All heavy atoms as atom14 arrays in JSON, in Angstrom:
{
  "sequence": "APPTAAPPTPPTRPERGNYSVTNGNGTTCLMARMG",
  "atom14_mask": [
    [1, 1, 1, 1, 1, 0, 0, 0, 0, 0, 0, 0, 0, 0],
    [1, 1, 1, 1, 1, 1, 1, 0, 0, 0, 0, 0, 0, 0],
    [1, 1, 1, 1, 1, 1, 1, 0, 0, 0, 0, 0, 0, 0],
    [1, 1, 1, 1, 1, 1, 1, 0, 0, 0, 0, 0, 0, 0],
    [1, 1, 1, 1, 1, 0, 0, 0, 0, 0, 0, 0, 0, 0],
    [1, 1, 1, 1, 1, 0, 0, 0, 0, 0, 0, 0, 0, 0],
    [1, 1, 1, 1, 1, 1, 1, 0, 0, 0, 0, 0, 0, 0],
    [1, 1, 1, 1, 1, 1, 1, 0, 0, 0, 0, 0, 0, 0],
    [1, 1, 1, 1, 1, 1, 1, 0, 0, 0, 0, 0, 0, 0],
    [1, 1, 1, 1, 1, 1, 1, 0, 0, 0, 0, 0, 0, 0],
    [1, 1, 1, 1, 1, 1, 1, 0, 0, 0, 0, 0, 0, 0],
    [1, 1, 1, 1, 1, 1, 1, 0, 0, 0, 0, 0, 0, 0],
    [1, 1, 1, 1, 1, 1, 1, 1, 1, 1, 1, 0, 0, 0],
    [1, 1, 1, 1, 1, 1, 1, 0, 0, 0, 0, 0, 0, 0],
    [1, 1, 1, 1, 1, 1, 1, 1, 1, 0, 0, 0, 0, 0],
    [1, 1, 1, 1, 1, 1, 1, 1, 1, 1, 1, 0, 0, 0],
    [1, 1, 1, 1, 0, 0, 0, 0, 0, 0, 0, 0, 0, 0],
    [1, 1, 1, 1, 1, 1, 1, 1, 0, 0, 0, 0, 0, 0],
    [1, 1, 1, 1, 1, 1, 1, 1, 1, 1, 1, 1, 0, 0],
    [1, 1, 1, 1, 1, 1, 0, 0, 0, 0, 0, 0, 0, 0],
    [1, 1, 1, 1, 1, 1, 1, 0, 0, 0, 0, 0, 0, 0],
    [1, 1, 1, 1, 1, 1, 1, 0, 0, 0, 0, 0, 0, 0],
    [1, 1, 1, 1, 1, 1, 1, 1, 0, 0, 0, 0, 0, 0],
    [1, 1, 1, 1, 0, 0, 0, 0, 0, 0, 0, 0, 0, 0],
    [1, 1, 1, 1, 1, 1, 1, 1, 0, 0, 0, 0, 0, 0],
    [1, 1, 1, 1, 0, 0, 0, 0, 0, 0, 0, 0, 0, 0],
    [1, 1, 1, 1, 1, 1, 1, 0, 0, 0, 0, 0, 0, 0],
    [1, 1, 1, 1, 1, 1, 1, 0, 0, 0, 0, 0, 0, 0],
    [1, 1, 1, 1, 1, 1, 0, 0, 0, 0, 0, 0, 0, 0],
    [1, 1, 1, 1, 1, 1, 1, 1, 0, 0, 0, 0, 0, 0],
    [1, 1, 1, 1, 1, 1, 1, 1, 0, 0, 0, 0, 0, 0],
    [1, 1, 1, 1, 1, 0, 0, 0, 0, 0, 0, 0, 0, 0],
    [1, 1, 1, 1, 1, 1, 1, 1, 1, 1, 1, 0, 0, 0],
    [1, 1, 1, 1, 1, 1, 1, 1, 0, 0, 0, 0, 0, 0],
    [1, 1, 1, 1, 0, 0, 0, 0, 0, 0, 0, 0, 0, 0]
  ],
  "atom14_positions": [
    [[-82.96, 35.09, -16.74], [-81.99, 35.59, -15.68], [-81.41, 34.44, -15.03], [-82.1, 33.36, -14.7], [-82.77, 36.42, -14.71], [0.0, 0.0, 0.0], [0.0, 0.0, 0.0], [0.0, 0.0, 0.0], [0.0, 0.0, 0.0], [0.0, 0.0, 0.0], [0.0, 0.0, 0.0], [0.0, 0.0, 0.0], [0.0, 0.0, 0.0], [0.0, 0.0, 0.0]],
    [[-80.13, 34.44, -14.7], [-79.49, 33.33, -13.97], [-79.94, 33.24, -12.61], [-80.26, 34.19, -11.92], [-77.96, 33.74, -13.99], [-78.01, 35.21, -14.17], [-79.21, 35.53, -14.98], [0.0, 0.0, 0.0], [0.0, 0.0, 0.0], [0.0, 0.0, 0.0], [0.0, 0.0, 0.0], [0.0, 0.0, 0.0], [0.0, 0.0, 0.0], [0.0, 0.0, 0.0]],
    [[-80.23, 32.0, -12.07], [-80.71, 31.82, -10.71], [-79.69, 32.33, -9.71], [-78.49, 32.17, -9.85], [-80.85, 30.29, -10.62], [-79.96, 29.72, -11.6], [-79.89, 30.73, -12.74], [0.0, 0.0, 0.0], [0.0, 0.0, 0.0], [0.0, 0.0, 0.0], [0.0, 0.0, 0.0], [0.0, 0.0, 0.0], [0.0, 0.0, 0.0], [0.0, 0.0, 0.0]],
    [[-80.19, 32.92, -8.64], [-79.29, 33.38, -7.56], [-79.04, 32.27, -6.59], [-79.9, 31.54, -6.23], [-79.97, 34.58, -6.81], [-81.28, 34.14, -6.35], [-80.16, 35.8, -7.74], [0.0, 0.0, 0.0], [0.0, 0.0, 0.0], [0.0, 0.0, 0.0], [0.0, 0.0, 0.0], [0.0, 0.0, 0.0], [0.0, 0.0, 0.0], [0.0, 0.0, 0.0]],
    [[-77.77, 32.18, -6.12], [-77.35, 31.17, -5.21], [-77.89, 31.45, -3.87], [-77.83, 32.63, -3.44], [-75.83, 31.02, -5.22], [0.0, 0.0, 0.0], [0.0, 0.0, 0.0], [0.0, 0.0, 0.0], [0.0, 0.0, 0.0], [0.0, 0.0, 0.0], [0.0, 0.0, 0.0], [0.0, 0.0, 0.0], [0.0, 0.0, 0.0], [0.0, 0.0, 0.0]],
    [[-78.34, 30.45, -3.17], [-78.82, 30.64, -1.76], [-77.63, 30.94, -0.87], [-76.55, 30.33, -1.05], [-79.59, 29.44, -1.29], [0.0, 0.0, 0.0], [0.0, 0.0, 0.0], [0.0, 0.0, 0.0], [0.0, 0.0, 0.0], [0.0, 0.0, 0.0], [0.0, 0.0, 0.0], [0.0, 0.0, 0.0], [0.0, 0.0, 0.0], [0.0, 0.0, 0.0]],
    [[-77.76, 31.84, 0.13], [-76.68, 32.09, 1.04], [-76.28, 30.84, 1.84], [-77.18, 30.05, 2.17], [-77.22, 33.23, 1.92], [-78.65, 33.07, 1.85], [-79.03, 32.58, 0.45], [0.0, 0.0, 0.0], [0.0, 0.0, 0.0], [0.0, 0.0, 0.0], [0.0, 0.0, 0.0], [0.0, 0.0, 0.0], [0.0, 0.0, 0.0], [0.0, 0.0, 0.0]],
    [[-75.0, 30.65, 2.14], [-74.64, 29.51, 2.93], [-75.27, 29.47, 4.27], [-75.36, 30.49, 4.94], [-73.11, 29.6, 2.98], [-72.88, 31.07, 2.86], [-73.89, 31.55, 1.86], [0.0, 0.0, 0.0], [0.0, 0.0, 0.0], [0.0, 0.0, 0.0], [0.0, 0.0, 0.0], [0.0, 0.0, 0.0], [0.0, 0.0, 0.0], [0.0, 0.0, 0.0]],
    [[-75.62, 28.25, 4.71], [-76.28, 28.16, 5.99], [-75.2, 28.06, 7.08], [-74.34, 27.19, 6.99], [-77.14, 26.85, 6.1], [-78.12, 26.89, 5.04], [-77.87, 26.71, 7.44], [0.0, 0.0, 0.0], [0.0, 0.0, 0.0], [0.0, 0.0, 0.0], [0.0, 0.0, 0.0], [0.0, 0.0, 0.0], [0.0, 0.0, 0.0], [0.0, 0.0, 0.0]],
    [[-75.23, 28.96, 8.09], [-74.22, 28.89, 9.13], [-74.39, 27.61, 9.97], [-75.54, 27.07, 10.06], [-74.59, 30.12, 10.0], [-76.03, 30.46, 9.7], [-76.28, 30.03, 8.31], [0.0, 0.0, 0.0], [0.0, 0.0, 0.0], [0.0, 0.0, 0.0], [0.0, 0.0, 0.0], [0.0, 0.0, 0.0], [0.0, 0.0, 0.0], [0.0, 0.0, 0.0]],
    [[-73.32, 27.09, 10.48], [-73.45, 25.84, 11.31], [-74.24, 26.11, 12.56], [-74.35, 27.18, 13.08], [-71.98, 25.55, 11.66], [-71.22, 26.89, 11.52], [-71.92, 27.58, 10.43], [0.0, 0.0, 0.0], [0.0, 0.0, 0.0], [0.0, 0.0, 0.0], [0.0, 0.0, 0.0], [0.0, 0.0, 0.0], [0.0, 0.0, 0.0], [0.0, 0.0, 0.0]],
    [[-74.87, 25.05, 13.07], [-75.62, 25.13, 14.25], [-74.67, 25.27, 15.53], [-73.5, 25.2, 15.33], [-76.46, 23.83, 14.49], [-75.55, 22.69, 14.49], [-77.4, 23.69, 13.29], [0.0, 0.0, 0.0], [0.0, 0.0, 0.0], [0.0, 0.0, 0.0], [0.0, 0.0, 0.0], [0.0, 0.0, 0.0], [0.0, 0.0, 0.0], [0.0, 0.0, 0.0]],
    [[-75.31, 25.55, 16.63], [-74.5, 25.62, 17.85], [-73.73, 24.38, 18.1], [-74.28, 23.29, 18.04], [-75.43, 25.9, 19.02], [-74.82, 26.28, 20.32], [-75.9, 26.38, 21.39], [-75.37, 26.85, 22.68], [-75.24, 28.05, 23.1], [-75.78, 29.05, 22.37], [-74.82, 28.36, 24.27], [0.0, 0.0, 0.0], [0.0, 0.0, 0.0], [0.0, 0.0, 0.0]],
    [[-72.43, 24.49, 18.39], [-71.56, 23.34, 18.53], [-71.94, 22.45, 19.76], [-72.41, 23.05, 20.77], [-70.18, 23.86, 18.7], [-70.35, 25.22, 19.24], [-71.58, 25.76, 18.6], [0.0, 0.0, 0.0], [0.0, 0.0, 0.0], [0.0, 0.0, 0.0], [0.0, 0.0, 0.0], [0.0, 0.0, 0.0], [0.0, 0.0, 0.0], [0.0, 0.0, 0.0]],
    [[-71.76, 21.14, 19.66], [-72.11, 20.24, 20.7], [-71.04, 20.47, 21.83], [-69.84, 20.62, 21.52], [-72.15, 18.82, 20.18], [-72.45, 17.76, 21.21], [-72.37, 16.36, 20.69], [-72.3, 16.22, 19.47], [-72.42, 15.35, 21.47], [0.0, 0.0, 0.0], [0.0, 0.0, 0.0], [0.0, 0.0, 0.0], [0.0, 0.0, 0.0], [0.0, 0.0, 0.0]],
    [[-71.45, 20.28, 23.03], [-70.53, 20.48, 24.16], [-69.74, 19.11, 24.37], [-70.32, 18.03, 24.46], [-71.32, 20.77, 25.49], [-70.5, 21.34, 26.57], [-71.34, 21.52, 27.77], [-70.69, 22.32, 28.85], [-71.08, 22.36, 30.08], [-72.17, 21.69, 30.42], [-70.46, 23.12, 30.96], [0.0, 0.0, 0.0], [0.0, 0.0, 0.0], [0.0, 0.0, 0.0]],
    [[-68.46, 19.22, 24.41], [-67.61, 18.07, 24.62], [-66.88, 18.03, 25.95], [-66.73, 19.04, 26.62], [0.0, 0.0, 0.0], [0.0, 0.0, 0.0], [0.0, 0.0, 0.0], [0.0, 0.0, 0.0], [0.0, 0.0, 0.0], [0.0, 0.0, 0.0], [0.0, 0.0, 0.0], [0.0, 0.0, 0.0], [0.0, 0.0, 0.0], [0.0, 0.0, 0.0]],
    [[-66.54, 16.84, 26.36], [-65.77, 16.66, 27.64], [-64.31, 16.31, 27.29], [-64.07, 15.23, 26.63], [-66.4, 15.64, 28.52], [-67.72, 16.02, 29.11], [-67.85, 16.96, 29.83], [-68.77, 15.31, 28.57], [0.0, 0.0, 0.0], [0.0, 0.0, 0.0], [0.0, 0.0, 0.0], [0.0, 0.0, 0.0], [0.0, 0.0, 0.0], [0.0, 0.0, 0.0]],
    [[-63.4, 17.04, 27.75], [-61.97, 16.83, 27.39], [-61.14, 16.75, 28.65], [-61.39, 17.58, 29.63], [-61.41, 17.9, 26.45], [-62.32, 18.07, 25.24], [-63.12, 19.25, 25.14], [-62.42, 17.17, 24.24], [-63.92, 19.52, 24.04], [-63.25, 17.37, 23.09], [-63.99, 18.49, 22.99], [-64.83, 18.7, 21.98], [0.0, 0.0, 0.0], [0.0, 0.0, 0.0]],
    [[-60.07, 16.02, 28.67], [-59.2, 15.97, 29.89], [-57.73, 15.56, 29.47], [-57.51, 15.06, 28.42], [-59.71, 14.97, 30.87], [-59.71, 13.65, 30.32], [0.0, 0.0, 0.0], [0.0, 0.0, 0.0], [0.0, 0.0, 0.0], [0.0, 0.0, 0.0], [0.0, 0.0, 0.0], [0.0, 0.0, 0.0], [0.0, 0.0, 0.0], [0.0, 0.0, 0.0]],
    [[-56.89, 15.89, 30.4], [-55.44, 15.54, 30.29], [-54.96, 14.85, 31.51], [-55.33, 15.28, 32.6], [-54.63, 16.85, 29.99], [-53.11, 16.51, 29.93], [-55.08, 17.51, 28.74], [0.0, 0.0, 0.0], [0.0, 0.0, 0.0], [0.0, 0.0, 0.0], [0.0, 0.0, 0.0], [0.0, 0.0, 0.0], [0.0, 0.0, 0.0], [0.0, 0.0, 0.0]],
    [[-54.2, 13.81, 31.34], [-53.7, 13.12, 32.5], [-52.17, 13.25, 32.55], [-51.53, 13.34, 31.51], [-54.03, 11.6, 32.49], [-53.61, 10.99, 31.22], [-55.55, 11.44, 32.57], [0.0, 0.0, 0.0], [0.0, 0.0, 0.0], [0.0, 0.0, 0.0], [0.0, 0.0, 0.0], [0.0, 0.0, 0.0], [0.0, 0.0, 0.0], [0.0, 0.0, 0.0]],
    [[-51.63, 13.29, 33.78], [-50.11, 13.4, 33.93], [-49.52, 11.99, 33.9], [-50.17, 11.01, 33.64], [-49.83, 14.22, 35.16], [-50.39, 13.64, 36.4], [-50.66, 12.4, 36.45], [-50.48, 14.45, 37.43], [0.0, 0.0, 0.0], [0.0, 0.0, 0.0], [0.0, 0.0, 0.0], [0.0, 0.0, 0.0], [0.0, 0.0, 0.0], [0.0, 0.0, 0.0]],
    [[-48.23, 11.97, 34.2], [-47.48, 10.71, 34.13], [-48.02, 9.63, 35.01], [-47.87, 8.38, 34.67], [0.0, 0.0, 0.0], [0.0, 0.0, 0.0], [0.0, 0.0, 0.0], [0.0, 0.0, 0.0], [0.0, 0.0, 0.0], [0.0, 0.0, 0.0], [0.0, 0.0, 0.0], [0.0, 0.0, 0.0], [0.0, 0.0, 0.0], [0.0, 0.0, 0.0]],
    [[-48.55, 9.96, 36.2], [-49.0, 8.89, 37.15], [-50.42, 8.53, 36.88], [-51.04, 7.79, 37.72], [-48.71, 9.35, 38.57], [-49.39, 10.6, 38.91], [-50.35, 11.05, 38.18], [-49.11, 11.22, 39.99], [0.0, 0.0, 0.0], [0.0, 0.0, 0.0], [0.0, 0.0, 0.0], [0.0, 0.0, 0.0], [0.0, 0.0, 0.0], [0.0, 0.0, 0.0]],
    [[-51.06, 9.07, 35.78], [-52.4, 8.66, 35.5], [-53.52, 9.43, 36.08], [-54.72, 9.18, 35.93], [0.0, 0.0, 0.0], [0.0, 0.0, 0.0], [0.0, 0.0, 0.0], [0.0, 0.0, 0.0], [0.0, 0.0, 0.0], [0.0, 0.0, 0.0], [0.0, 0.0, 0.0], [0.0, 0.0, 0.0], [0.0, 0.0, 0.0], [0.0, 0.0, 0.0]],
    [[-53.13, 10.48, 36.89], [-54.22, 11.33, 37.5], [-54.59, 12.51, 36.56], [-53.75, 13.01, 35.79], [-53.75, 11.9, 38.84], [-52.56, 12.69, 38.66], [-53.46, 10.81, 39.81], [0.0, 0.0, 0.0], [0.0, 0.0, 0.0], [0.0, 0.0, 0.0], [0.0, 0.0, 0.0], [0.0, 0.0, 0.0], [0.0, 0.0, 0.0], [0.0, 0.0, 0.0]],
    [[-55.81, 12.9, 36.61], [-56.32, 14.05, 35.75], [-55.71, 15.34, 36.2], [-55.87, 15.68, 37.39], [-57.82, 14.06, 35.73], [-58.36, 12.79, 35.39], [-58.35, 15.11, 34.75], [0.0, 0.0, 0.0], [0.0, 0.0, 0.0], [0.0, 0.0, 0.0], [0.0, 0.0, 0.0], [0.0, 0.0, 0.0], [0.0, 0.0, 0.0], [0.0, 0.0, 0.0]],
    [[-55.09, 16.08, 35.3], [-54.49, 17.37, 35.66], [-55.19, 18.5, 34.97], [-54.87, 19.73, 35.33], [-52.97, 17.35, 35.38], [-52.57, 17.0, 33.65], [0.0, 0.0, 0.0], [0.0, 0.0, 0.0], [0.0, 0.0, 0.0], [0.0, 0.0, 0.0], [0.0, 0.0, 0.0], [0.0, 0.0, 0.0], [0.0, 0.0, 0.0], [0.0, 0.0, 0.0]],
    [[-56.02, 18.25, 33.98], [-56.78, 19.32, 33.28], [-58.12, 18.74, 32.91], [-58.14, 17.65, 32.3], [-56.01, 19.88, 32.07], [-56.62, 21.03, 31.31], [-55.51, 21.88, 30.64], [-57.58, 20.54, 30.21], [0.0, 0.0, 0.0], [0.0, 0.0, 0.0], [0.0, 0.0, 0.0], [0.0, 0.0, 0.0], [0.0, 0.0, 0.0], [0.0, 0.0, 0.0]],
    [[-59.18, 19.54, 33.14], [-60.48, 19.19, 32.59], [-61.11, 20.35, 31.9], [-60.95, 21.51, 32.35], [-61.4, 18.7, 33.72], [-61.04, 17.36, 34.37], [-62.13, 16.97, 35.82], [-63.77, 17.07, 35.07], [0.0, 0.0, 0.0], [0.0, 0.0, 0.0], [0.0, 0.0, 0.0], [0.0, 0.0, 0.0], [0.0, 0.0, 0.0], [0.0, 0.0, 0.0]],
    [[-61.89, 20.07, 30.89], [-62.55, 21.04, 30.12], [-63.88, 20.49, 29.6], [-63.87, 19.36, 29.13], [-61.74, 21.65, 28.94], [0.0, 0.0, 0.0], [0.0, 0.0, 0.0], [0.0, 0.0, 0.0], [0.0, 0.0, 0.0], [0.0, 0.0, 0.0], [0.0, 0.0, 0.0], [0.0, 0.0, 0.0], [0.0, 0.0, 0.0], [0.0, 0.0, 0.0]],
    [[-64.94, 21.22, 29.75], [-66.22, 20.92, 29.14], [-66.74, 22.11, 28.34], [-66.97, 23.21, 28.97], [-67.21, 20.56, 30.28], [-68.54, 20.04, 29.8], [-69.4, 19.63, 31.05], [-68.79, 18.51, 31.76], [-68.88, 18.38, 33.09], [-69.55, 19.24, 33.79], [-68.29, 17.34, 33.61], [0.0, 0.0, 0.0], [0.0, 0.0, 0.0], [0.0, 0.0, 0.0]],
    [[-66.93, 22.01, 27.06], [-67.21, 23.19, 26.22], [-67.58, 22.8, 24.81], [-67.27, 21.71, 24.38], [-65.98, 24.13, 26.22], [-64.74, 23.4, 25.7], [-63.29, 24.41, 25.97], [-61.9, 23.23, 25.58], [0.0, 0.0, 0.0], [0.0, 0.0, 0.0], [0.0, 0.0, 0.0], [0.0, 0.0, 0.0], [0.0, 0.0, 0.0], [0.0, 0.0, 0.0]],
    [[-68.27, 23.73, 24.17], [-68.45, 23.58, 22.7], [-67.59, 24.6, 22.09], [-67.39, 25.76, 22.54], [0.0, 0.0, 0.0], [0.0, 0.0, 0.0], [0.0, 0.0, 0.0], [0.0, 0.0, 0.0], [0.0, 0.0, 0.0], [0.0, 0.0, 0.0], [0.0, 0.0, 0.0], [0.0, 0.0, 0.0], [0.0, 0.0, 0.0], [0.0, 0.0, 0.0]]
  ]
}
């Protein structure tokens, strides 16, 4: 009998990242922390 393929392993919980956006004068105008 042909071997059965193992089901794909779902990815783990995503790592939490820190993201930001700065405006024209260099000050932060948006912040996000999330996976």
